[in-house]
C-alpha atoms as a PDB file:
ATOM      1  CA  MET A   1     117.557  85.422 118.294  1.00  0.00           C
ATOM      2  CA  ALA A   2     115.722  88.713 118.729  1.00  0.00           C
ATOM      3  CA  ARG A   3     113.306  89.287 121.571  1.00  0.00           C
ATOM      4  CA  PRO A   4     110.182  91.411 121.262  1.00  0.00           C
ATOM      5  CA  ASP A   5     109.568  94.326 123.566  1.00  0.00           C
ATOM      6  CA  ARG A   6     107.905  93.280 126.822  1.00  0.00           C
ATOM      7  CA  LEU A   7     104.640  94.997 125.836  1.00  0.00           C
ATOM      8  CA  VAL A   8     104.517  93.056 122.552  1.00  0.00           C
ATOM      9  CA  TYR A   9     105.383  89.822 124.368  1.00  0.00           C
ATOM     10  CA  GLU A  10     102.542  90.290 126.868  1.00  0.00           C
ATOM     11  CA  ILE A  11     100.011  91.002 124.113  1.00  0.00           C
ATOM     12  CA  VAL A  12     101.095  87.941 122.108  1.00  0.00           C
ATOM     13  CA  LYS A  13     101.102  85.797 125.259  1.00  0.00           C
ATOM     14  CA  GLN A  14      97.504  86.847 126.006  1.00  0.00           C
ATOM     15  CA  GLU A  15      96.439  86.269 122.396  1.00  0.00           C
ATOM     16  CA  CYS A  16      97.908  82.757 122.476  1.00  0.00           C
ATOM     17  CA  ALA A  17      96.182  81.951 125.754  1.00  0.00           C
ATOM     18  CA  GLU A  18      92.829  83.128 124.377  1.00  0.00           C
ATOM     19  CA  ARG A  19      93.277  81.044 121.222  1.00  0.00           C
ATOM     20  CA  GLY A  20      94.673  78.007 123.028  1.00  0.00           C
ATOM     21  CA  ILE A  21      97.773  77.767 120.849  1.00  0.00           C
ATOM     22  CA  SER A  22     101.482  77.872 121.571  1.00  0.00           C
ATOM     23  CA  MET A  23     103.436  81.058 121.072  1.00  0.00           C
ATOM     24  CA  GLY A  24     105.659  79.254 118.576  1.00  0.00           C
ATOM     25  CA  GLN A  25     102.666  78.264 116.427  1.00  0.00           C
ATOM     26  CA  TYR A  26     101.233  81.771 116.654  1.00  0.00           C
ATOM     27  CA  VAL A  27     104.514  83.302 115.467  1.00  0.00           C
ATOM     28  CA  ALA A  28     104.873  80.675 112.710  1.00  0.00           C
ATOM     29  CA  ASP A  29     101.350  81.438 111.461  1.00  0.00           C
ATOM     30  CA  VAL A  30     101.902  85.207 111.528  1.00  0.00           C
ATOM     31  CA  LEU A  31     105.170  84.808 109.615  1.00  0.00           C
ATOM     32  CA  ALA A  32     103.596  82.480 107.028  1.00  0.00           C
ATOM     33  CA  ALA A  33     100.821  85.001 106.383  1.00  0.00           C
ATOM     34  CA  HIS A  34     103.303  87.883 106.319  1.00  0.00           C
ATOM     35  CA  VAL A  35     105.477  86.329 103.610  1.00  0.00           C
ATOM     36  CA  GLY A  36     102.483  85.496 101.424  1.00  0.00           C
ATOM     37  CA  HIS A  37     101.831  81.846 102.238  1.00  0.00           C
ATOM     38  CA  PRO A  38      98.421  81.746 103.927  1.00  0.00           C
ATOM     39  CA  GLU A  39      98.112  78.059 102.985  1.00  0.00           C
ATOM     40  CA  LEU A  40     100.799  77.332 105.593  1.00  0.00           C
ATOM     41  CA  VAL A  41      98.833  78.956 108.427  1.00  0.00           C
ATOM     42  CA  ARG A  42      97.703  76.159 110.762  1.00  0.00           C
ATOM     43  CA  GLU A  43      95.811  77.759 113.640  1.00  0.00           C
ATOM     44  CA  LEU A  44      95.122  81.459 113.112  1.00  0.00           C
ATOM     45  CA  GLY A  45      91.809  82.173 111.470  1.00  0.00           C
ATOM     46  CA  LYS A  46      90.215  78.876 112.427  1.00  0.00           C
ATOM     47  CA  GLU A  47      86.611  79.329 113.401  1.00  0.00           C
ATOM     48  CA  VAL A  48      85.586  77.732 116.655  1.00  0.00           C
ATOM     49  CA  LEU A  49      82.139  76.210 116.888  1.00  0.00           C
ATOM     50  CA  PRO A  50      80.225  76.820 120.099  1.00  0.00           C
ATOM     51  CA  LEU A  51      79.895  73.769 122.341  1.00  0.00           C
ATOM     52  CA  ALA A  52      76.371  74.616 123.453  1.00  0.00           C
ATOM     53  CA  MET A  53      73.631  76.537 121.738  1.00  0.00           C
END
C-alpha cells in the first residue's frame, strides 16, 4: 500500500474532519469520481442544510 506525502495526508485529514467523514470514505469517493463513476460517490458533494436560520 502506498502512503501519501505527509503534507497531502494532513490536508486530507483536515478535509475529512471538516466534512465529518472517514478518510477511507473520502478516498473511495475521490477514486470513484476520478475513474468516471460519480454515481458511486457517497459523501462528497452532499449539501448540508443549516440547522438554524
